[in-house]
Amino acid sequence: MLRLDEIYLQGLLRQVARDELLGRFQQVASRHKADGSLLTEADLASQAAIRAALARRWPEAGFLGEEMGQAEQQRALAESGRPLWLLDPLDGTTNFAAGMPFFCISLALLEQGRIRFGMVYDPLREECFQAQAGQGAWLNGQRLRRDPQWPNALTDTVAVIDFKRIDPQISLSLISHPPFRSLRSLGSVALEWCWLAAGRFGLYLHGAQGLWDYAAGRLIQQEAGAAAVQRGYEDIDLHPRQAVAAANPVMLRLWLDHLRALGLNP
């Protein structure tokens, strides 16, 4: 098992965000990758800096970053005998490139086929979310816990939904006949999981997330006591995952019932 140094990791993500991201925010060019998503020099600089620092500190661990080629990512996953860092160096690149203040760095540790550790750093709000499997979730040193007073009716909640890769008819129904009080789309998977963990909204639906997108945030949400269904979550691979989640198990059951009535099969 890799011996973690959480203070070092917090400092690393803060420094890289300061050195490689914030100076480029609102003034960086972007280009499209093969899958249609955006890439900026900030993504590449952040990944290179974090990868180098992790290799110096933990040379025994492997590395998988979003901005690596798929063949290299597959090779990293195939090395199952050693710990593996999973990095999204800039989650919310579209927001970042457009000057919208909602993006982060997401780092997770995979050991023995399970996500053991996750850290998500939001440099604009200076919020650092983190969790270790079985040991709870934290925000800037404060324990994240599920609020027992959270509403247990869909109509009392805010939903965060990313409509990409969701059936258009289901999307249309959710927009025209919403079962929730209000709707948002935020644009950073890792932060969306963390904000759900922090109780900032109550319902979540996303059509397809990459491993580097959800690895850290999903663990933080889980350790904070929120509830989720993510088909194939335990299978660590590069296949995108649909995600359905809610602030607590009661809300998740109601949310699933509504989505299944619309024809979604989580």
C-alpha atoms as a PDB file:
ATOM      1  CA  MET A   1       0.000   0.000   0.000  1.00  0.00           C
ATOM      2  CA  LEU A   2       1.296   3.432  -0.914  1.00  0.00           C
ATOM      3  CA  ARG A   3       2.019   5.630   2.083  1.00  0.00           C
ATOM      4  CA  LEU A   4       0.148   8.850   1.399  1.00  0.00           C
ATOM      5  CA  ASP A   5       1.213  12.355   2.381  1.00  0.00           C
ATOM      6  CA  GLU A   6      -1.985  14.390   2.147  1.00  0.00           C
ATOM      7  CA  ILE A   7      -0.346  17.674   3.153  1.00  0.00           C
ATOM      8  CA  TYR A   8       2.173  17.265   0.341  1.00  0.00           C
ATOM      9  CA  LEU A   9      -0.589  16.470  -2.160  1.00  0.00           C
ATOM     10  CA  GLN A  10      -2.649  19.482  -1.098  1.00  0.00           C
ATOM     11  CA  GLY A  11       0.381  21.696  -1.515  1.00  0.00           C
ATOM     12  CA  LEU A  12       1.187  20.169  -4.892  1.00  0.00           C
ATOM     13  CA  LEU A  13      -2.276  20.756  -6.341  1.00  0.00           C
ATOM     14  CA  ARG A  14      -2.390  24.297  -4.970  1.00  0.00           C
ATOM     15  CA  GLN A  15       1.015  25.141  -6.430  1.00  0.00           C
ATOM     16  CA  VAL A  16       0.264  23.661  -9.837  1.00  0.00           C
ATOM     17  CA  ALA A  17      -3.086  25.461  -9.957  1.00  0.00           C
ATOM     18  CA  ARG A  18      -1.353  28.724  -9.111  1.00  0.00           C
ATOM     19  CA  ASP A  19       1.559  28.226 -11.519  1.00  0.00           C
ATOM     20  CA  GLU A  20      -0.126  26.555 -14.478  1.00  0.00           C
ATOM     21  CA  LEU A  21      -3.861  27.324 -14.359  1.00  0.00           C
ATOM     22  CA  LEU A  22      -4.723  30.666 -12.793  1.00  0.00           C
ATOM     23  CA  GLY A  23      -2.296  32.695 -14.898  1.00  0.00           C
ATOM     24  CA  ARG A  24      -3.878  31.276 -18.044  1.00  0.00           C
ATOM     25  CA  PHE A  25      -7.503  31.605 -16.940  1.00  0.00           C
ATOM     26  CA  GLN A  26      -9.546  33.807 -19.313  1.00  0.00           C
ATOM     27  CA  GLN A  27      -6.610  34.211 -21.703  1.00  0.00           C
ATOM     28  CA  VAL A  28      -5.807  30.803 -23.146  1.00  0.00           C
ATOM     29  CA  ALA A  29      -6.410  29.365 -26.611  1.00  0.00           C
ATOM     30  CA  SER A  30      -8.064  25.973 -27.017  1.00  0.00           C
ATOM     31  CA  ARG A  31      -8.398  23.271 -29.646  1.00  0.00           C
ATOM     32  CA  HIS A  32     -10.656  20.256 -30.104  1.00  0.00           C
ATOM     33  CA  LYS A  33      -9.532  16.726 -29.316  1.00  0.00           C
ATOM     34  CA  ALA A  34     -10.662  13.699 -31.305  1.00  0.00           C
ATOM     35  CA  ASP A  35     -13.671  13.173 -29.019  1.00  0.00           C
ATOM     36  CA  GLY A  36     -14.836  16.764 -29.494  1.00  0.00           C
ATOM     37  CA  SER A  37     -13.786  18.000 -26.044  1.00  0.00           C
ATOM     38  CA  LEU A  38     -11.473  20.971 -25.617  1.00  0.00           C
ATOM     39  CA  LEU A  39      -7.763  20.967 -24.815  1.00  0.00           C
ATOM     40  CA  THR A  40      -5.652  23.933 -23.703  1.00  0.00           C
ATOM     41  CA  GLU A  41      -1.972  24.407 -22.890  1.00  0.00           C
ATOM     42  CA  ALA A  42      -3.101  24.644 -19.254  1.00  0.00           C
ATOM     43  CA  ASP A  43      -4.310  21.010 -19.324  1.00  0.00           C
ATOM     44  CA  LEU A  44      -0.955  19.840 -20.657  1.00  0.00           C
ATOM     45  CA  ALA A  45       1.166  21.998 -18.332  1.00  0.00           C
ATOM     46  CA  SER A  46      -0.829  20.938 -15.264  1.00  0.00           C
ATOM     47  CA  GLN A  47      -0.566  17.244 -16.143  1.00  0.00           C
ATOM     48  CA  ALA A  48       3.184  17.440 -16.835  1.00  0.00           C
ATOM     49  CA  ALA A  49       3.908  19.235 -13.544  1.00  0.00           C
ATOM     50  CA  ILE A  50       1.818  16.899 -11.386  1.00  0.00           C
ATOM     51  CA  ARG A  51       3.073  13.766 -13.127  1.00  0.00           C
ATOM     52  CA  ALA A  52       6.702  14.766 -12.592  1.00  0.00           C
ATOM     53  CA  ALA A  53       6.145  15.622  -8.923  1.00  0.00           C
ATOM     54  CA  LEU A  54       4.318  12.355  -8.202  1.00  0.00           C
ATOM     55  CA  ALA A  55       7.052  10.336  -9.922  1.00  0.00           C
ATOM     56  CA  ARG A  56       9.709  11.973  -7.775  1.00  0.00           C
ATOM     57  CA  ARG A  57       7.792  11.411  -4.547  1.00  0.00           C
ATOM     58  CA  TRP A  58       6.364   7.948  -5.290  1.00  0.00           C
ATOM     59  CA  PRO A  59       8.482   6.330  -8.021  1.00  0.00           C
ATOM     60  CA  GLU A  60       6.874   2.956  -7.322  1.00  0.00           C
ATOM     61  CA  ALA A  61       3.440   4.171  -8.506  1.00  0.00           C
ATOM     62  CA  GLY A  62       2.109   4.321 -12.063  1.00  0.00           C
ATOM     63  CA  PHE A  63       0.290   7.228 -13.666  1.00  0.00           C
ATOM     64  CA  LEU A  64      -2.763   7.698 -15.874  1.00  0.00           C
ATOM     65  CA  GLY A  65      -3.768  11.189 -16.979  1.00  0.00           C
ATOM     66  CA  GLU A  66      -6.609  12.375 -19.164  1.00  0.00           C
ATOM     67  CA  GLU A  67      -4.253  13.970 -21.670  1.00  0.00           C
ATOM     68  CA  MET A  68      -2.300  10.769 -22.338  1.00  0.00           C
ATOM     69  CA  GLY A  69      -3.051   8.751 -25.457  1.00  0.00           C
ATOM     70  CA  GLN A  70      -5.523   5.913 -25.093  1.00  0.00           C
ATOM     71  CA  ALA A  71      -2.889   3.240 -25.746  1.00  0.00           C
ATOM     72  CA  GLU A  72      -0.712   4.659 -22.967  1.00  0.00           C
ATOM     73  CA  GLN A  73      -3.727   4.825 -20.665  1.00  0.00           C
ATOM     74  CA  GLN A  74      -4.520   1.176 -21.374  1.00  0.00           C
ATOM     75  CA  ARG A  75      -0.932   0.172 -20.625  1.00  0.00           C
ATOM     76  CA  ALA A  76      -1.068   2.050 -17.321  1.00  0.00           C
ATOM     77  CA  LEU A  77      -4.268   0.247 -16.300  1.00  0.00           C
ATOM     78  CA  ALA A  78      -2.788  -3.098 -17.289  1.00  0.00           C
ATOM     79  CA  GLU A  79      -0.012  -2.691 -14.710  1.00  0.00           C
ATOM     80  CA  SER A  80      -2.342  -3.899 -11.981  1.00  0.00           C
ATOM     81  CA  GLY A  81       0.406  -4.975  -9.597  1.00  0.00           C
ATOM     82  CA  ARG A  82       1.272  -1.470  -8.436  1.00  0.00           C
ATOM     83  CA  PRO A  83      -0.574   1.653  -7.269  1.00  0.00           C
ATOM     84  CA  LEU A  84      -1.830   3.969 -10.007  1.00  0.00           C
ATOM     85  CA  TRP A  85      -2.472   7.705  -9.865  1.00  0.00           C
ATOM     86  CA  LEU A  86      -5.512   8.863 -11.870  1.00  0.00           C
ATOM     87  CA  LEU A  87      -5.400  12.539 -12.837  1.00  0.00           C
ATOM     88  CA  ASP A  88      -7.668  15.013 -14.538  1.00  0.00           C
ATOM     89  CA  PRO A  89      -5.299  17.996 -14.692  1.00  0.00           C
ATOM     90  CA  LEU A  90      -8.066  20.457 -15.539  1.00  0.00           C
ATOM     91  CA  ASP A  91     -11.622  19.211 -15.104  1.00  0.00           C
ATOM     92  CA  GLY A  92     -13.977  21.737 -16.661  1.00  0.00           C
ATOM     93  CA  THR A  93     -11.756  22.751 -19.573  1.00  0.00           C
ATOM     94  CA  THR A  94     -14.673  24.229 -21.523  1.00  0.00           C
ATOM     95  CA  ASN A  95     -15.529  26.444 -18.555  1.00  0.00           C
ATOM     96  CA  PHE A  96     -11.863  27.384 -18.150  1.00  0.00           C
ATOM     97  CA  ALA A  97     -11.429  28.293 -21.812  1.00  0.00           C
ATOM     98  CA  ALA A  98     -14.632  30.363 -21.788  1.00  0.00           C
ATOM     99  CA  GLY A  99     -13.660  32.245 -18.625  1.00  0.00           C
ATOM    100  CA  MET A 100     -16.352  30.606 -16.499  1.00  0.00           C
ATOM    101  CA  PRO A 101     -15.204  30.171 -12.864  1.00  0.00           C
ATOM    102  CA  PHE A 102     -15.951  26.478 -12.333  1.00  0.00           C
ATOM    103  CA  PHE A 103     -13.028  24.088 -12.818  1.00  0.00           C
ATOM    104  CA  CYS A 104     -10.628  22.025 -10.726  1.00  0.00           C
ATOM    105  CA  ILE A 105      -7.812  19.502 -10.531  1.00  0.00           C
ATOM    106  CA  SER A 106      -8.872  15.946  -9.675  1.00  0.00           C
ATOM    107  CA  LEU A 107      -6.459  13.292  -8.382  1.00  0.00           C
ATOM    108  CA  ALA A 108      -7.245   9.744  -7.249  1.00  0.00           C
ATOM    109  CA  LEU A 109      -5.235   6.699  -6.225  1.00  0.00           C
ATOM    110  CA  LEU A 110      -6.118   3.222  -7.456  1.00  0.00           C
ATOM    111  CA  GLU A 111      -4.788   0.264  -5.461  1.00  0.00           C
ATOM    112  CA  GLN A 112      -5.703  -3.405  -5.776  1.00  0.00           C
ATOM    113  CA  GLY A 113      -8.539  -2.609  -8.141  1.00  0.00           C
ATOM    114  CA  ARG A 114     -10.233  -0.021  -5.904  1.00  0.00           C
ATOM    115  CA  ILE A 115     -10.164   3.738  -5.586  1.00  0.00           C
ATOM    116  CA  ARG A 116      -8.498   4.245  -2.229  1.00  0.00           C
ATOM    117  CA  PHE A 117      -7.988   8.026  -2.151  1.00  0.00           C
ATOM    118  CA  GLY A 118      -9.381  11.094  -3.893  1.00  0.00           C
ATOM    119  CA  MET A 119      -8.594  14.808  -3.813  1.00  0.00           C
ATOM    120  CA  VAL A 120     -10.289  17.596  -5.773  1.00  0.00           C
ATOM    121  CA  TYR A 121      -8.954  21.134  -5.623  1.00  0.00           C
ATOM    122  CA  ASP A 122     -10.948  24.195  -6.722  1.00  0.00           C
ATOM    123  CA  PRO A 123      -8.374  27.008  -7.009  1.00  0.00           C
ATOM    124  CA  LEU A 124     -10.815  29.891  -7.395  1.00  0.00           C
ATOM    125  CA  ARG A 125     -12.670  29.086  -4.152  1.00  0.00           C
ATOM    126  CA  GLU A 126      -9.585  27.578  -2.483  1.00  0.00           C
ATOM    127  CA  GLU A 127     -11.631  24.497  -1.611  1.00  0.00           C
ATOM    128  CA  CYS A 128      -9.874  21.164  -1.226  1.00  0.00           C
ATOM    129  CA  PHE A 129     -12.156  18.122  -1.033  1.00  0.00           C
ATOM    130  CA  GLN A 130     -10.637  14.773  -0.113  1.00  0.00           C
ATOM    131  CA  ALA A 131     -11.513  11.280   1.045  1.00  0.00           C
ATOM    132  CA  GLN A 132      -9.936   7.956   1.893  1.00  0.00           C
ATOM    133  CA  ALA A 133     -11.938   4.775   1.452  1.00  0.00           C
ATOM    134  CA  GLY A 134     -13.657   3.883   4.699  1.00  0.00           C
ATOM    135  CA  GLN A 135     -12.416   6.982   6.527  1.00  0.00           C
ATOM    136  CA  GLY A 136     -14.847   9.731   5.523  1.00  0.00           C
ATOM    137  CA  ALA A 137     -14.717  12.840   3.373  1.00  0.00           C
ATOM    138  CA  TRP A 138     -13.433  16.319   4.162  1.00  0.00           C
ATOM    139  CA  LEU A 139     -13.549  19.889   2.880  1.00  0.00           C
ATOM    140  CA  ASN A 140     -10.677  22.108   4.017  1.00  0.00           C
ATOM    141  CA  GLY A 141     -10.277  19.998   7.134  1.00  0.00           C
ATOM    142  CA  GLN A 142     -13.990  19.891   8.026  1.00  0.00           C
ATOM    143  CA  ARG A 143     -15.803  16.556   7.928  1.00  0.00           C
ATOM    144  CA  LEU A 144     -18.496  16.263   5.263  1.00  0.00           C
ATOM    145  CA  ARG A 145     -21.603  14.526   6.570  1.00  0.00           C
ATOM    146  CA  ARG A 146     -25.016  13.896   5.088  1.00  0.00           C
ATOM    147  CA  ASP A 147     -27.536  16.363   6.492  1.00  0.00           C
ATOM    148  CA  PRO A 148     -30.392  14.411   8.153  1.00  0.00           C
ATOM    149  CA  GLN A 149     -32.670  17.411   7.551  1.00  0.00           C
ATOM    150  CA  TRP A 150     -32.238  17.293   3.782  1.00  0.00           C
ATOM    151  CA  PRO A 151     -35.641  17.405   2.007  1.00  0.00           C
ATOM    152  CA  ASN A 152     -37.023  14.039   0.974  1.00  0.00           C
ATOM    153  CA  ALA A 153     -39.173  15.278  -1.922  1.00  0.00           C
ATOM    154  CA  LEU A 154     -37.940  15.849  -5.451  1.00  0.00           C
ATOM    155  CA  THR A 155     -39.907  19.083  -5.704  1.00  0.00           C
ATOM    156  CA  ASP A 156     -37.821  20.602  -2.903  1.00  0.00           C
ATOM    157  CA  THR A 157     -34.457  20.051  -4.558  1.00  0.00           C
ATOM    158  CA  VAL A 158     -32.041  21.518  -7.077  1.00  0.00           C
ATOM    159  CA  ALA A 159     -30.903  19.107  -9.801  1.00  0.00           C
ATOM    160  CA  VAL A 160     -27.624  19.190 -11.705  1.00  0.00           C
ATOM    161  CA  ILE A 161     -27.979  17.498 -15.101  1.00  0.00           C
ATOM    162  CA  ASP A 162     -25.580  17.252 -18.024  1.00  0.00           C
ATOM    163  CA  PHE A 163     -27.752  16.405 -21.008  1.00  0.00           C
ATOM    164  CA  LYS A 164     -24.966  15.207 -23.290  1.00  0.00           C
ATOM    165  CA  ARG A 165     -25.416  11.531 -24.185  1.00  0.00           C
ATOM    166  CA  ILE A 166     -28.889  11.371 -22.607  1.00  0.00           C
ATOM    167  CA  ASP A 167     -31.792  10.345 -24.824  1.00  0.00           C
ATOM    168  CA  PRO A 168     -33.366  13.540 -26.271  1.00  0.00           C
ATOM    169  CA  GLN A 169     -36.892  12.479 -25.320  1.00  0.00           C
ATOM    170  CA  ILE A 170     -35.873  11.957 -21.702  1.00  0.00           C
ATOM    171  CA  SER A 171     -34.091  15.311 -21.719  1.00  0.00           C
ATOM    172  CA  LEU A 172     -37.148  17.014 -23.162  1.00  0.00           C
ATOM    173  CA  SER A 173     -39.387  15.512 -20.470  1.00  0.00           C
ATOM    174  CA  LEU A 174     -37.053  16.617 -17.679  1.00  0.00           C
ATOM    175  CA  ILE A 175     -37.014  20.142 -19.059  1.00  0.00           C
ATOM    176  CA  SER A 176     -40.702  20.499 -19.854  1.00  0.00           C
ATOM    177  CA  HIS A 177     -42.070  18.606 -16.821  1.00  0.00           C
ATOM    178  CA  PRO A 178     -39.366  18.879 -14.167  1.00  0.00           C
ATOM    179  CA  PRO A 179     -39.921  16.881 -10.963  1.00  0.00           C
ATOM    180  CA  PHE A 180     -37.404  19.102  -9.147  1.00  0.00           C
ATOM    181  CA  ARG A 181     -37.515  22.741  -8.029  1.00  0.00           C
ATOM    182  CA  SER A 182     -34.694  24.077 -10.197  1.00  0.00           C
ATOM    183  CA  LEU A 183     -32.108  22.910 -12.731  1.00  0.00           C
ATOM    184  CA  ARG A 184     -28.402  23.612 -13.220  1.00  0.00           C
ATOM    185  CA  SER A 185     -25.607  22.378 -15.512  1.00  0.00           C
ATOM    186  CA  LEU A 186     -22.166  23.091 -14.052  1.00  0.00           C
ATOM    187  CA  GLY A 187     -19.593  21.577 -16.409  1.00  0.00           C
ATOM    188  CA  SER A 188     -17.036  19.903 -14.122  1.00  0.00           C
ATOM    189  CA  VAL A 189     -17.754  16.298 -13.194  1.00  0.00           C
ATOM    190  CA  ALA A 190     -15.321  16.147 -10.275  1.00  0.00           C
ATOM    191  CA  LEU A 191     -16.693  19.322  -8.694  1.00  0.00           C
ATOM    192  CA  GLU A 192     -20.266  18.212  -9.298  1.00  0.00           C
ATOM    193  CA  TRP A 193     -19.649  15.061  -7.220  1.00  0.00           C
ATOM    194  CA  CYS A 194     -18.002  17.176  -4.517  1.00  0.00           C
ATOM    195  CA  TRP A 195     -20.781  19.750  -4.425  1.00  0.00           C
ATOM    196  CA  LEU A 196     -23.306  16.935  -4.088  1.00  0.00           C
ATOM    197  CA  ALA A 197     -21.209  15.607  -1.190  1.00  0.00           C
ATOM    198  CA  ALA A 198     -21.270  19.070   0.392  1.00  0.00           C
ATOM    199  CA  GLY A 199     -25.082  19.301   0.116  1.00  0.00           C
ATOM    200  CA  ARG A 200     -25.139  22.140  -2.412  1.00  0.00           C
ATOM    201  CA  PHE A 201     -27.715  20.369  -4.581  1.00  0.00           C
ATOM    202  CA  GLY A 202     -29.815  17.237  -4.235  1.00  0.00           C
ATOM    203  CA  LEU A 203     -30.135  15.376  -7.553  1.00  0.00           C
ATOM    204  CA  TYR A 204     -27.568  14.462 -10.202  1.00  0.00           C
ATOM    205  CA  LEU A 205     -27.656  12.945 -13.675  1.00  0.00           C
ATOM    206  CA  HIS A 206     -24.801  12.698 -16.168  1.00  0.00           C
ATOM    207  CA  GLY A 207     -24.784  10.742 -19.406  1.00  0.00           C
ATOM    208  CA  ALA A 208     -21.140   9.639 -19.619  1.00  0.00           C
ATOM    209  CA  GLN A 209     -18.074  10.231 -17.421  1.00  0.00           C
ATOM    210  CA  GLY A 210     -14.478   9.171 -17.908  1.00  0.00           C
ATOM    211  CA  LEU A 211     -12.510   7.361 -15.219  1.00  0.00           C
ATOM    212  CA  TRP A 212     -10.373  10.443 -14.491  1.00  0.00           C
ATOM    213  CA  ASP A 213     -13.550  12.552 -14.250  1.00  0.00           C
ATOM    214  CA  TYR A 214     -15.293  10.608 -11.506  1.00  0.00           C
ATOM    215  CA  ALA A 215     -12.617   8.606  -9.661  1.00  0.00           C
ATOM    216  CA  ALA A 216     -11.880  11.147  -6.912  1.00  0.00           C
ATOM    217  CA  GLY A 217     -15.245  12.916  -6.723  1.00  0.00           C
ATOM    218  CA  ARG A 218     -17.282   9.726  -6.653  1.00  0.00           C
ATOM    219  CA  LEU A 219     -15.272   8.479  -3.656  1.00  0.00           C
ATOM    220  CA  ILE A 220     -15.728  11.822  -1.873  1.00  0.00           C
ATOM    221  CA  GLN A 221     -19.479  11.691  -2.481  1.00  0.00           C
ATOM    222  CA  GLN A 222     -19.638   8.098  -1.268  1.00  0.00           C
ATOM    223  CA  GLU A 223     -17.659   8.794   1.896  1.00  0.00           C
ATOM    224  CA  ALA A 224     -19.827  11.840   2.668  1.00  0.00           C
ATOM    225  CA  GLY A 225     -22.945   9.653   2.790  1.00  0.00           C
ATOM    226  CA  ALA A 226     -24.722  10.649  -0.414  1.00  0.00           C
ATOM    227  CA  ALA A 227     -26.117   7.877  -2.629  1.00  0.00           C
ATOM    228  CA  ALA A 228     -25.413   6.976  -6.253  1.00  0.00           C
ATOM    229  CA  VAL A 229     -25.932   4.429  -8.985  1.00  0.00           C
ATOM    230  CA  GLN A 230     -23.137   4.225 -11.543  1.00  0.00           C
ATOM    231  CA  ARG A 231     -23.286   1.093 -13.651  1.00  0.00           C
ATOM    232  CA  GLY A 232     -19.944  -0.694 -13.726  1.00  0.00           C
ATOM    233  CA  TYR A 233     -18.396   1.630 -11.154  1.00  0.00           C
ATOM    234  CA  GLU A 234     -16.413  -1.218  -9.598  1.00  0.00           C
ATOM    235  CA  ASP A 235     -14.958  -2.160 -12.997  1.00  0.00           C
ATOM    236  CA  ILE A 236     -11.930   0.057 -13.445  1.00  0.00           C
ATOM    237  CA  ASP A 237     -11.586   0.669 -17.184  1.00  0.00           C
ATOM    238  CA  LEU A 238     -11.774   3.437 -19.777  1.00  0.00           C
ATOM    239  CA  HIS A 239     -15.449   2.967 -20.648  1.00  0.00           C
ATOM    240  CA  PRO A 240     -17.563   6.065 -19.898  1.00  0.00           C
ATOM    241  CA  ARG A 241     -20.075   5.663 -17.071  1.00  0.00           C
ATOM    242  CA  GLN A 242     -23.576   7.045 -16.716  1.00  0.00           C
ATOM    243  CA  ALA A 243     -24.164   8.489 -13.239  1.00  0.00           C
ATOM    244  CA  VAL A 244     -27.363   8.943 -11.225  1.00  0.00           C
ATOM    245  CA  ALA A 245     -27.042  10.262  -7.678  1.00  0.00           C
ATOM    246  CA  ALA A 246     -28.873  12.063  -4.898  1.00  0.00           C
ATOM    247  CA  ALA A 247     -28.251  13.624  -1.518  1.00  0.00           C
ATOM    248  CA  ASN A 248     -29.471  10.553   0.377  1.00  0.00           C
ATOM    249  CA  PRO A 249     -30.886   7.063  -0.281  1.00  0.00           C
ATOM    250  CA  VAL A 250     -34.529   8.207  -0.017  1.00  0.00           C
ATOM    251  CA  MET A 251     -33.998  10.872  -2.668  1.00  0.00           C
ATOM    252  CA  LEU A 252     -32.101   8.434  -4.867  1.00  0.00           C
ATOM    253  CA  ARG A 253     -34.989   5.956  -4.832  1.00  0.00           C
ATOM    254  CA  LEU A 254     -37.467   8.688  -5.823  1.00  0.00           C
ATOM    255  CA  TRP A 255     -35.117   9.994  -8.521  1.00  0.00           C
ATOM    256  CA  LEU A 256     -34.583   6.511  -9.955  1.00  0.00           C
ATOM    257  CA  ASP A 257     -38.313   5.828  -9.980  1.00  0.00           C
ATOM    258  CA  HIS A 258     -38.910   9.013 -11.957  1.00  0.00           C
ATOM    259  CA  LEU A 259     -36.108   8.375 -14.446  1.00  0.00           C
ATOM    260  CA  ARG A 260     -37.161   4.759 -15.019  1.00  0.00           C
ATOM    261  CA  ALA A 261     -40.717   5.900 -15.683  1.00  0.00           C
ATOM    262  CA  LEU A 262     -39.267   8.078 -18.446  1.00  0.00           C
ATOM    263  CA  GLY A 263     -37.424   5.102 -19.944  1.00  0.00           C
ATOM    264  CA  LEU A 264     -33.929   5.611 -18.546  1.00  0.00           C
ATOM    265  CA  ASN A 265     -32.257   2.412 -17.371  1.00  0.00           C
ATOM    266  CA  PRO A 266     -29.521   3.349 -14.866  1.00  0.00           C
END
